[in-house]
Amino acid sequence: MRHCGSNIPEWGRPELRREVVPKSGADLVREIQIRLGWLNWVAGVAGAIVVCASIGFLIPIFLADSEPGELALRNAPAIVVYIVLVGLILSRQCYRHCARALAWVAEEREPNEREHRQTLRLAVYNVKVAALAWILAGLGFSTLNAALHSWEFGVVVAATTWLGGETTCAVLYLACERVLRPVTARALAVRSPDGAVAPGVGQRLVMAWLLGTGVPLLGVLVVGAVGISKSDVDTEYVAAAVLFLGAVASIVGLIATVFAAKAIAEPVTSVKKGLERIEHGDLEVRVPVDDGSEVGLLQAGFNRMADGLGERERIRDLFGRQVGEDVARAALRGGARLGGEEREVGAFFVDLVGSTAMAMAMPPTEVVRVLNRFFRVVVEVVEGEGGLVNKFEGDAALCVFGAPASRDDPAGAALRAARSLAARLARDVPEVDFGIGVSAGLAVAGNVGAEHRFEYTVIGDPVNEAARLAERAKQRPERVLTSQAALARADGLEGDAWRVTDSVVLRGRNAPTDVSYPHS
């Protein structure tokens, strides 16, 4: 059975390679249920205490001095019974709903559509249940106090309960969203939702201020207005109520702002760290997508960008292996188009002797193994001198110096590489025989073919001459020949390493060509 976190698509990837011991799905679900249960109880009890305290501070403003104690005695038992009874009922409902929604996590499988939707909306469901409890509390206790005292005081109780419940639910949502991030990340890793399933950055900031600070400040304004309009209100009661509501505004506002800020800052920070690692060359980095708002879209966008960069790097690497690093860089830098330019190049052609007989005497796999050893030495020697293995032709290779990247002494580089290659092949691949021909001069280097399919190549007399010299070199004990034109174009002391032998008429030519071979 495939784990729900494997083969993670673009909406979610493992976090920036932190080495942690993964929890089982059942352990994760159990931990989330416990944390949500405690969170609901703490938020409900704390909200009830704040609302009761707020009403206690407001009572002296609206009622006579003899009434607060009597109302407190009548309301307190009902409040305790309500919190315990309704809290137990709603906690059980939330626990069971959470278990149903996260059954796929516990069973370590992919979620169906219903489970996926329920998982992403668990925070909303949790807050809806809490809001229902506050609505019932507001209706019940406002009716009770209207019957016990007056409808005006019932309205005060209803308004205070509503404001307190709204603030509590807002803070509860931000906290629940944070607790649920591990399973949110798993759900988003499976597939992306049709749209945002969580409040966006702007909505969270407005909600954090409005419900964490704006609502208590509204209470302060109401108390201040009552204090001004009622002449018989004790100013000490008004001051105490204002101070209490101000303290609530400060504390709850700070908590709401911290939760909202972390919900935004942590994903953005993970993206920032991911960008730093990409800047240092780590294209395998991914960030977890654990938010259903535009913050999650940012995280998913980063992962898509990293996927694209990784794919581009793989293509560039494969392209470079196919055509050579210099050709790949030139194509990526300036684009690839048909045509070429005249270049001063050095070139040598290396060809195996008796490859047909070798193919008949050896199994195909063994022939490929020998050819790979042969070409590996060719590539190492040529690239060591800054050249390009332009193409592999069965059991031969054309090597070019001075294209596509210009160099000061292409002829000298080709001559040095040819001598070095002969020595390396004799030592490292003794089971093969070969011939190497070297030439230099003007040639056209560029892309040849059709618009939709072409290859980089070098065309000109130096290439043809090198191929003909390689045929003649197979008959020489040194196995290396060069034209006098290449020696004449080489800088430095490279000419001293070669000995002029004679003039030969190469195949396909009428005029003789002066050839040389290296000193033994």
Protein backbone atom coordinates (compact mmCIF):
# COMPACT_ATOMS: atom_id res chain seq x y z
CA MET A 1 0.00 0.00 0.00
CA ARG A 2 1.49 3.32 -1.03
CA HIS A 3 2.02 5.87 1.70
CA CYS A 4 0.00 9.02 1.20
CA GLY A 5 3.15 11.13 1.35
CA SER A 6 5.01 9.33 -1.44
CA ASN A 7 5.33 10.55 -5.02
CA ILE A 8 4.45 14.05 -3.91
CA PRO A 9 3.31 16.31 -6.76
CA GLU A 10 3.71 20.03 -7.15
CA TRP A 11 1.42 21.11 -4.29
CA GLY A 12 3.58 19.56 -1.59
CA ARG A 13 7.02 18.24 -1.04
CA PRO A 14 8.98 17.26 2.06
CA GLU A 15 10.31 20.23 3.95
CA LEU A 16 13.83 21.43 3.35
CA ARG A 17 15.37 18.01 4.09
CA ARG A 18 15.17 18.15 7.85
CA GLU A 19 16.17 14.81 9.29
CA VAL A 20 13.24 13.87 11.51
CA VAL A 21 11.76 10.58 12.57
CA PRO A 22 8.42 10.39 10.72
CA LYS A 23 5.33 9.70 12.80
CA SER A 24 2.90 7.01 11.81
CA GLY A 25 -0.44 8.18 10.46
CA ALA A 26 -2.34 6.85 13.50
CA ASP A 27 0.02 8.64 15.91
CA LEU A 28 -0.36 11.90 13.99
CA VAL A 29 -4.16 11.70 14.01
CA ARG A 30 -4.23 10.89 17.72
CA GLU A 31 -1.92 13.82 18.48
CA ILE A 32 -4.05 16.23 16.45
CA GLN A 33 -7.27 15.05 18.11
CA ILE A 34 -5.78 15.59 21.56
CA ARG A 35 -4.42 19.02 20.68
CA LEU A 36 -7.68 20.14 19.10
CA GLY A 37 -9.62 18.87 22.13
CA TRP A 38 -7.47 20.83 24.56
CA LEU A 39 -7.57 23.86 22.31
CA ASN A 40 -11.37 23.83 22.20
CA TRP A 41 -11.67 23.51 25.98
CA VAL A 42 -9.06 26.19 26.72
CA ALA A 43 -10.56 28.62 24.19
CA GLY A 44 -14.11 28.01 25.43
CA VAL A 45 -13.31 28.35 29.13
CA ALA A 46 -11.03 31.36 28.60
CA GLY A 47 -13.67 33.06 26.43
CA ALA A 48 -16.38 32.37 29.01
CA ILE A 49 -14.23 33.83 31.80
CA VAL A 50 -13.54 36.98 29.76
CA VAL A 51 -17.22 37.41 28.87
CA CYS A 52 -18.34 36.89 32.49
CA ALA A 53 -15.69 39.32 33.70
CA SER A 54 -16.74 41.85 31.06
CA ILE A 55 -20.38 41.60 32.15
CA GLY A 56 -19.24 41.89 35.76
CA PHE A 57 -17.48 45.15 34.99
CA LEU A 58 -20.44 46.40 32.98
CA ILE A 59 -23.14 45.52 35.58
CA PRO A 60 -22.36 48.47 37.92
CA ILE A 61 -22.78 50.81 34.97
CA PHE A 62 -26.20 49.51 33.96
CA LEU A 63 -27.62 48.23 37.30
CA ALA A 64 -28.00 49.29 40.90
CA ASP A 65 -25.39 48.30 43.46
CA SER A 66 -27.58 45.62 45.10
CA GLU A 67 -28.24 43.61 41.92
CA PRO A 68 -24.83 42.29 40.73
CA GLY A 69 -24.42 39.77 43.53
CA GLU A 70 -27.87 38.32 43.06
CA LEU A 71 -27.44 37.99 39.29
CA ALA A 72 -24.04 36.36 39.72
CA LEU A 73 -25.45 33.72 42.09
CA ARG A 74 -28.25 32.89 39.66
CA ASN A 75 -26.05 32.76 36.55
CA ALA A 76 -22.92 31.03 37.88
CA PRO A 77 -24.39 27.48 38.26
CA ALA A 78 -26.02 27.67 34.85
CA ILE A 79 -22.75 28.82 33.27
CA VAL A 80 -20.78 25.93 34.81
CA VAL A 81 -23.37 23.34 33.81
CA TYR A 82 -23.56 24.75 30.29
CA ILE A 83 -19.78 24.76 29.78
CA VAL A 84 -19.37 21.19 31.02
CA LEU A 85 -22.43 19.68 29.31
CA VAL A 86 -22.21 21.45 25.96
CA GLY A 87 -18.42 21.20 25.99
CA LEU A 88 -18.56 17.40 26.38
CA ILE A 89 -21.17 17.01 23.64
CA LEU A 90 -19.42 19.24 21.13
CA SER A 91 -15.95 17.85 21.96
CA ARG A 92 -17.22 14.33 21.25
CA GLN A 93 -18.70 15.49 17.97
CA CYS A 94 -15.47 17.22 16.92
CA TYR A 95 -13.42 14.16 17.93
CA ARG A 96 -15.56 11.82 15.83
CA HIS A 97 -15.63 14.17 12.85
CA CYS A 98 -11.84 14.55 13.01
CA ALA A 99 -11.44 10.74 13.10
CA ARG A 100 -13.66 10.35 10.03
CA ALA A 101 -11.95 13.13 8.10
CA LEU A 102 -8.44 11.85 8.89
CA ALA A 103 -9.13 8.14 8.50
CA TRP A 104 -6.95 8.16 5.36
CA VAL A 105 -4.01 9.53 7.37
CA ALA A 106 -4.38 6.87 10.05
CA GLU A 107 -4.63 4.15 7.40
CA GLU A 108 -1.78 5.68 5.36
CA ARG A 109 -3.57 5.83 2.05
CA GLU A 110 -4.77 8.52 -0.34
CA PRO A 111 -7.99 10.29 0.67
CA ASN A 112 -11.19 10.12 -1.32
CA GLU A 113 -12.90 13.34 -2.37
CA ARG A 114 -14.98 13.62 0.81
CA GLU A 115 -12.01 12.99 3.13
CA HIS A 116 -9.85 15.42 1.17
CA ARG A 117 -12.45 18.18 1.41
CA GLN A 118 -13.14 17.52 5.10
CA THR A 119 -9.43 17.53 5.95
CA LEU A 120 -8.87 20.91 4.34
CA ARG A 121 -11.92 22.35 6.14
CA LEU A 122 -11.31 20.88 9.59
CA ALA A 123 -10.39 24.27 11.07
CA VAL A 124 -13.58 25.79 9.66
CA TYR A 125 -15.68 22.90 11.01
CA ASN A 126 -14.09 23.21 14.44
CA VAL A 127 -14.87 26.92 14.58
CA LYS A 128 -18.43 26.36 13.34
CA VAL A 129 -19.03 23.99 16.26
CA ALA A 130 -17.57 26.53 18.69
CA ALA A 131 -19.67 29.29 17.12
CA LEU A 132 -22.79 27.15 17.59
CA ALA A 133 -21.98 26.78 21.28
CA TRP A 134 -21.58 30.56 21.64
CA ILE A 135 -24.82 31.26 19.76
CA LEU A 136 -26.72 28.89 22.04
CA ALA A 137 -25.06 30.50 25.06
CA GLY A 138 -25.99 33.98 23.90
CA LEU A 139 -29.61 33.04 23.29
CA GLY A 140 -29.96 31.08 26.50
CA PHE A 141 -28.31 33.48 28.95
CA SER A 142 -29.78 36.62 27.39
CA THR A 143 -33.26 35.07 27.75
CA LEU A 144 -32.49 33.96 31.33
CA ASN A 145 -31.31 37.41 32.41
CA ALA A 146 -34.16 39.16 30.60
CA ALA A 147 -36.53 37.04 32.66
CA LEU A 148 -34.57 37.51 35.90
CA HIS A 149 -34.04 41.25 35.56
CA SER A 150 -35.03 43.17 32.41
CA TRP A 151 -34.88 42.91 28.66
CA GLU A 152 -32.35 45.77 28.56
CA PHE A 153 -29.90 43.74 30.64
CA GLY A 154 -30.70 40.68 28.50
CA VAL A 155 -29.60 42.68 25.47
CA VAL A 156 -26.35 43.63 27.26
CA VAL A 157 -25.68 39.95 27.99
CA ALA A 158 -26.46 38.94 24.39
CA ALA A 159 -24.24 41.66 22.91
CA THR A 160 -21.35 40.90 25.25
CA THR A 161 -21.62 37.15 24.61
CA TRP A 162 -21.73 37.70 20.87
CA LEU A 163 -18.67 39.95 20.87
CA GLY A 164 -16.75 37.62 23.16
CA GLY A 165 -17.72 34.54 21.15
CA GLU A 166 -16.75 36.18 17.88
CA THR A 167 -13.33 37.11 19.20
CA THR A 168 -12.79 33.67 20.72
CA CYS A 169 -13.77 31.91 17.47
CA ALA A 170 -11.38 34.09 15.47
CA VAL A 171 -8.44 33.25 17.71
CA LEU A 172 -9.54 29.60 17.79
CA TYR A 173 -9.52 29.42 13.99
CA LEU A 174 -5.97 30.76 13.75
CA ALA A 175 -4.80 28.30 16.41
CA CYS A 176 -6.63 25.33 14.82
CA GLU A 177 -5.16 26.12 11.43
CA ARG A 178 -1.69 25.95 12.94
CA VAL A 179 -2.36 22.65 14.72
CA LEU A 180 -3.72 21.11 11.51
CA ARG A 181 -0.79 22.05 9.29
CA PRO A 182 0.79 18.55 9.18
CA VAL A 183 -2.39 16.95 7.80
CA THR A 184 -3.12 19.96 5.60
CA ALA A 185 0.31 19.48 4.01
CA ARG A 186 -0.44 15.80 3.40
CA ALA A 187 -3.81 16.58 1.84
CA LEU A 188 -2.35 19.26 -0.43
CA ALA A 189 0.47 16.86 -1.36
CA VAL A 190 -2.09 14.49 -2.84
CA ARG A 191 -3.89 17.05 -5.00
CA SER A 192 -4.65 20.73 -5.05
CA PRO A 193 -8.15 22.00 -4.26
CA ASP A 194 -10.28 23.75 -6.86
CA GLY A 195 -9.80 27.05 -5.07
CA ALA A 196 -8.58 28.61 -1.84
CA VAL A 197 -9.93 26.86 1.24
CA ALA A 198 -8.58 29.27 3.86
CA PRO A 199 -8.70 33.04 4.43
CA GLY A 200 -6.04 34.93 2.55
CA VAL A 201 -3.30 37.14 3.94
CA GLY A 202 -5.41 40.29 3.87
CA GLN A 203 -8.41 38.58 5.45
CA ARG A 204 -6.27 37.12 8.24
CA LEU A 205 -4.71 40.46 9.08
CA VAL A 206 -8.07 42.21 9.09
CA MET A 207 -9.58 39.42 11.17
CA ALA A 208 -6.69 39.52 13.64
CA TRP A 209 -7.14 43.25 14.18
CA LEU A 210 -10.93 43.45 13.99
CA LEU A 211 -11.73 40.53 16.29
CA GLY A 212 -8.63 40.74 18.46
CA THR A 213 -8.59 44.48 18.96
CA GLY A 214 -11.53 46.11 17.23
CA VAL A 215 -14.24 44.23 19.17
CA PRO A 216 -12.83 45.04 22.65
CA LEU A 217 -12.31 48.63 21.56
CA LEU A 218 -15.95 48.73 20.50
CA GLY A 219 -16.81 47.74 24.05
CA VAL A 220 -14.61 50.54 25.36
CA LEU A 221 -16.46 53.01 23.14
CA VAL A 222 -19.85 51.74 24.37
CA VAL A 223 -18.80 52.04 28.01
CA GLY A 224 -17.47 55.52 27.39
CA ALA A 225 -20.68 56.57 25.66
CA VAL A 226 -22.79 55.23 28.57
CA GLY A 227 -20.57 57.00 31.05
CA ILE A 228 -21.11 60.28 29.24
CA SER A 229 -24.86 59.86 28.72
CA LYS A 230 -25.78 58.61 32.21
CA SER A 231 -25.31 61.21 34.88
CA ASP A 232 -25.65 58.85 37.85
CA VAL A 233 -22.89 56.42 36.78
CA ASP A 234 -19.89 56.20 39.11
CA THR A 235 -16.80 57.26 37.15
CA GLU A 236 -14.72 54.64 38.98
CA TYR A 237 -16.87 51.87 37.47
CA VAL A 238 -16.49 53.37 34.01
CA ALA A 239 -12.73 53.68 34.45
CA ALA A 240 -12.47 50.08 35.72
CA ALA A 241 -14.51 48.79 32.77
CA VAL A 242 -12.40 50.75 30.28
CA LEU A 243 -9.16 49.47 31.84
CA PHE A 244 -10.41 45.88 31.79
CA LEU A 245 -11.55 46.04 28.16
CA GLY A 246 -8.28 47.76 27.20
CA ALA A 247 -6.30 44.94 28.84
CA VAL A 248 -8.41 42.35 27.02
CA ALA A 249 -7.87 44.19 23.74
CA SER A 250 -4.10 44.21 24.28
CA ILE A 251 -3.80 40.54 25.25
CA VAL A 252 -6.25 39.07 22.76
CA GLY A 253 -5.05 41.36 20.01
CA LEU A 254 -1.45 40.26 20.61
CA ILE A 255 -2.40 36.58 20.55
CA ALA A 256 -4.44 36.96 17.35
CA THR A 257 -1.69 38.98 15.68
CA VAL A 258 1.00 36.45 16.63
CA PHE A 259 -1.01 33.55 15.18
CA ALA A 260 -1.81 35.49 12.00
CA ALA A 261 1.80 36.64 11.60
CA LYS A 262 3.18 33.12 12.05
CA ALA A 263 0.66 31.71 9.59
CA ILE A 264 2.11 34.09 6.99
CA ALA A 265 5.74 34.45 8.06
CA GLU A 266 6.65 30.77 8.42
CA PRO A 267 5.66 29.72 4.87
CA VAL A 268 7.30 32.83 3.42
CA THR A 269 10.45 32.10 5.44
CA SER A 270 10.53 28.52 4.14
CA VAL A 271 10.31 29.86 0.58
CA LYS A 272 13.09 32.35 1.33
CA LYS A 273 15.35 29.58 2.65
CA GLY A 274 14.50 27.48 -0.38
CA LEU A 275 15.52 30.33 -2.69
CA GLU A 276 18.82 30.65 -0.84
CA ARG A 277 19.51 26.96 -1.33
CA ILE A 278 18.63 27.17 -5.03
CA GLU A 279 21.01 30.12 -5.28
CA HIS A 280 23.74 27.84 -3.91
CA GLY A 281 22.96 25.16 -6.50
CA ASP A 282 20.60 22.81 -4.63
CA LEU A 283 17.85 22.30 -7.20
CA GLU A 284 16.31 19.37 -5.29
CA VAL A 285 15.00 21.59 -2.47
CA ARG A 286 11.23 21.73 -1.95
CA VAL A 287 9.04 23.43 0.65
CA PRO A 288 5.95 21.94 2.32
CA VAL A 289 2.61 23.22 1.05
CA ASP A 290 0.59 23.43 4.27
CA ASP A 291 -1.70 26.39 3.67
CA GLY A 292 -4.92 26.52 1.66
CA SER A 293 -4.76 30.25 0.84
CA GLU A 294 -2.59 32.25 -1.56
CA VAL A 295 0.31 31.50 0.79
CA GLY A 296 -0.06 27.87 -0.26
CA LEU A 297 -0.13 28.98 -3.89
CA LEU A 298 3.18 30.75 -3.24
CA GLN A 299 4.64 27.56 -1.78
CA ALA A 300 3.32 25.48 -4.67
CA GLY A 301 4.66 28.06 -7.12
CA PHE A 302 8.10 27.77 -5.56
CA ASN A 303 8.00 23.99 -5.93
CA ARG A 304 6.93 24.31 -9.57
CA MET A 305 9.77 26.76 -10.16
CA ALA A 306 12.25 24.36 -8.53
CA ASP A 307 10.87 21.52 -10.66
CA GLY A 308 11.33 23.64 -13.77
CA LEU A 309 14.86 24.64 -12.85
CA GLY A 310 15.75 21.04 -12.08
CA GLU A 311 14.28 19.87 -15.38
CA ARG A 312 16.14 22.62 -17.21
CA GLU A 313 19.39 21.62 -15.53
CA ARG A 314 18.84 17.95 -16.42
CA ILE A 315 18.14 18.91 -20.04
CA ARG A 316 21.22 21.14 -20.11
CA ASP A 317 23.33 18.35 -18.64
CA LEU A 318 21.97 15.83 -21.13
CA PHE A 319 22.35 18.34 -23.96
CA GLY A 320 25.94 18.97 -22.91
CA ARG A 321 26.68 15.24 -22.86
CA GLN A 322 25.20 14.84 -26.32
CA VAL A 323 26.84 17.75 -28.11
CA GLY A 324 29.56 18.92 -25.72
CA GLU A 325 29.60 21.54 -22.97
CA ASP A 326 30.88 24.34 -25.21
CA VAL A 327 28.22 23.74 -27.85
CA ALA A 328 25.51 23.55 -25.18
CA ARG A 329 26.64 26.80 -23.54
CA ALA A 330 26.78 28.57 -26.90
CA ALA A 331 23.27 27.38 -27.78
CA LEU A 332 21.83 28.39 -24.39
CA ARG A 333 23.54 31.76 -24.54
CA GLY A 334 22.79 32.81 -28.09
CA GLY A 335 20.13 30.41 -29.29
CA ALA A 336 20.45 27.68 -31.90
CA ARG A 337 19.95 28.41 -35.58
CA LEU A 338 21.07 27.02 -38.89
CA GLY A 339 24.26 28.33 -40.41
CA GLY A 340 27.80 28.81 -39.25
CA GLU A 341 30.85 31.01 -39.20
CA GLU A 342 34.40 30.67 -40.43
CA ARG A 343 36.86 29.73 -37.71
CA GLU A 344 40.54 28.94 -37.38
CA VAL A 345 40.47 25.39 -36.06
CA GLY A 346 42.71 22.50 -35.25
CA ALA A 347 41.23 19.06 -35.80
CA PHE A 348 42.19 15.45 -35.48
CA PHE A 349 40.43 12.28 -36.47
CA VAL A 350 40.96 9.03 -34.56
CA ASP A 351 39.83 5.74 -36.05
CA LEU A 352 40.13 2.15 -34.86
CA VAL A 353 41.92 -0.53 -36.85
CA GLY A 354 40.15 -3.84 -37.41
CA SER A 355 36.86 -2.90 -35.83
CA THR A 356 34.94 -5.17 -38.22
CA ALA A 357 37.01 -8.18 -37.23
CA MET A 358 36.62 -7.23 -33.56
CA ALA A 359 32.84 -7.11 -33.96
CA MET A 360 32.83 -10.58 -35.50
CA ALA A 361 35.13 -12.08 -32.85
CA MET A 362 33.50 -10.57 -29.74
CA PRO A 363 29.96 -10.52 -28.37
CA PRO A 364 28.19 -7.19 -29.01
CA THR A 365 28.21 -6.28 -25.32
CA GLU A 366 31.98 -6.77 -25.16
CA VAL A 367 32.46 -4.65 -28.28
CA VAL A 368 30.43 -1.85 -26.68
CA ARG A 369 32.47 -2.14 -23.49
CA VAL A 370 35.75 -1.79 -25.41
CA LEU A 371 34.43 1.13 -27.47
CA ASN A 372 33.29 2.92 -24.32
CA ARG A 373 36.75 2.55 -22.77
CA PHE A 374 38.29 3.84 -26.01
CA PHE A 375 35.98 6.85 -26.26
CA ARG A 376 36.35 7.66 -22.55
CA VAL A 377 40.09 8.11 -23.05
CA VAL A 378 39.45 10.22 -26.17
CA VAL A 379 37.05 12.53 -24.32
CA GLU A 380 39.37 12.93 -21.32
CA VAL A 381 42.38 13.84 -23.46
CA VAL A 382 40.49 16.21 -25.78
CA GLU A 383 38.66 18.06 -23.01
CA GLY A 384 41.92 18.28 -21.06
CA GLU A 385 43.29 20.39 -23.92
CA GLY A 386 40.11 22.48 -24.17
CA GLY A 387 38.78 20.77 -27.29
CA LEU A 388 35.45 19.33 -28.35
CA VAL A 389 34.68 15.76 -29.38
CA ASN A 390 32.41 16.92 -32.16
CA LYS A 391 30.96 13.54 -33.10
CA PHE A 392 31.33 9.82 -32.62
CA GLU A 393 31.20 7.90 -35.89
CA GLY A 394 30.90 4.23 -35.03
CA ASP A 395 34.49 3.36 -34.12
CA ALA A 396 35.92 6.81 -34.88
CA ALA A 397 35.75 10.33 -33.46
CA LEU A 398 36.23 13.83 -34.83
CA CYS A 399 37.84 16.21 -32.35
CA VAL A 400 37.96 19.97 -32.87
CA PHE A 401 39.86 22.81 -31.20
CA GLY A 402 38.87 26.44 -31.65
CA ALA A 403 35.12 25.95 -32.17
CA PRO A 404 32.60 26.81 -30.89
CA ALA A 405 34.80 28.55 -28.30
CA SER A 406 37.74 30.42 -29.80
CA ARG A 407 41.25 29.78 -28.48
CA ASP A 408 44.69 31.23 -29.13
CA ASP A 409 46.46 28.15 -30.51
CA PRO A 410 44.00 25.60 -31.87
CA ALA A 411 46.60 23.87 -34.06
CA GLY A 412 49.04 23.46 -31.18
CA ALA A 413 46.27 22.12 -28.92
CA ALA A 414 45.26 19.55 -31.54
CA LEU A 415 48.87 18.40 -31.99
CA ARG A 416 49.48 18.05 -28.24
CA ALA A 417 46.21 16.22 -27.75
CA ALA A 418 47.00 13.79 -30.59
CA ARG A 419 50.39 12.87 -29.12
CA SER A 420 48.91 12.50 -25.64
CA LEU A 421 46.02 10.39 -26.94
CA ALA A 422 48.35 7.97 -28.73
CA ALA A 423 50.27 7.39 -25.50
CA ARG A 424 47.11 7.01 -23.39
CA LEU A 425 45.46 4.55 -25.77
CA ALA A 426 48.58 2.39 -25.95
CA ARG A 427 48.68 2.28 -22.16
CA ASP A 428 45.00 2.18 -21.12
CA VAL A 429 43.34 0.35 -24.02
CA PRO A 430 46.07 -1.93 -25.37
CA GLU A 431 43.61 -4.32 -27.03
CA VAL A 432 42.71 -1.80 -29.75
CA ASP A 433 44.74 -0.43 -32.64
CA PHE A 434 44.12 2.99 -34.13
CA GLY A 435 45.23 5.78 -36.42
CA ILE A 436 45.21 9.53 -35.69
CA GLY A 437 45.36 12.28 -38.30
CA VAL A 438 45.88 15.95 -37.43
CA SER A 439 45.24 19.06 -39.50
CA ALA A 440 44.49 22.76 -39.04
CA GLY A 441 43.17 25.70 -41.01
CA LEU A 442 40.02 27.63 -41.80
CA ALA A 443 36.71 25.79 -41.53
CA VAL A 444 33.03 26.63 -41.13
CA ALA A 445 31.58 25.72 -37.72
CA GLY A 446 27.85 25.82 -37.08
CA ASN A 447 24.52 24.01 -37.19
CA VAL A 448 23.68 21.89 -40.22
CA GLY A 449 20.38 20.14 -40.92
CA ALA A 450 16.73 21.26 -40.93
CA GLU A 451 14.93 23.80 -38.76
CA HIS A 452 13.44 21.13 -36.52
CA ARG A 453 16.45 18.80 -36.44
CA PHE A 454 20.10 19.82 -36.78
CA GLU A 455 23.51 19.22 -35.28
CA TYR A 456 26.63 21.21 -34.61
CA THR A 457 29.50 20.28 -36.92
CA VAL A 458 32.71 21.59 -38.48
CA ILE A 459 33.06 21.47 -42.26
CA GLY A 460 36.16 22.27 -44.24
CA ASP A 461 39.45 21.07 -45.63
CA PRO A 462 41.12 20.54 -42.20
CA VAL A 463 38.43 17.97 -41.29
CA ASN A 464 38.76 16.11 -44.59
CA GLU A 465 42.54 16.16 -44.39
CA ALA A 466 42.54 14.84 -40.81
CA ALA A 467 40.31 11.91 -41.84
CA ARG A 468 42.63 11.03 -44.76
CA LEU A 469 45.71 11.30 -42.54
CA ALA A 470 44.11 8.95 -40.00
CA GLU A 471 43.84 6.30 -42.73
CA ARG A 472 47.54 6.68 -43.56
CA ALA A 473 48.50 6.75 -39.87
CA LYS A 474 47.20 3.20 -39.43
CA GLN A 475 50.15 2.09 -41.60
CA ARG A 476 52.74 3.94 -39.51
CA PRO A 477 54.25 2.48 -36.30
CA GLU A 478 53.67 5.78 -34.50
CA ARG A 479 49.96 5.64 -35.47
CA VAL A 480 49.90 9.49 -35.66
CA LEU A 481 50.35 11.77 -38.66
CA THR A 482 49.92 15.48 -39.16
CA SER A 483 50.09 17.79 -42.13
CA GLN A 484 52.78 20.38 -42.44
CA ALA A 485 50.05 23.02 -42.53
CA ALA A 486 49.11 22.16 -38.94
CA LEU A 487 52.72 22.38 -37.76
CA ALA A 488 53.12 25.74 -39.51
CA ARG A 489 50.08 27.15 -37.69
CA ALA A 490 51.11 25.91 -34.23
CA ASP A 491 52.69 28.34 -31.77
CA GLY A 492 55.56 27.69 -29.42
CA LEU A 493 57.79 24.65 -29.49
CA GLU A 494 55.20 22.11 -30.60
CA GLY A 495 56.91 21.78 -33.99
CA ASP A 496 60.05 20.41 -32.31
CA ALA A 497 58.06 17.37 -31.14
CA TRP A 498 57.39 16.28 -34.74
CA ARG A 499 59.60 14.91 -37.49
CA VAL A 500 58.96 15.60 -41.20
CA THR A 501 58.83 12.31 -43.07
CA ASP A 502 57.76 12.71 -46.69
CA SER A 503 55.04 13.84 -49.07
CA VAL A 504 52.04 11.67 -49.83
CA VAL A 505 49.04 12.01 -52.10
CA LEU A 506 45.99 11.60 -49.89
CA ARG A 507 42.87 9.88 -51.16
CA GLY A 508 40.69 12.25 -53.17
CA ARG A 509 43.51 14.75 -53.80
CA ASN A 510 45.86 15.44 -56.69
CA ALA A 511 48.60 17.45 -55.02
CA PRO A 512 50.97 15.82 -52.48
CA THR A 513 50.73 16.68 -48.79
CA ASP A 514 53.79 17.03 -46.54
CA VAL A 515 53.23 14.84 -43.45
CA SER A 516 55.02 14.46 -40.13
CA TYR A 517 54.96 12.03 -37.22
CA PRO A 518 55.91 12.63 -33.57
CA HIS A 519 59.33 11.79 -32.20
CA SER A 520 59.24 8.52 -30.31
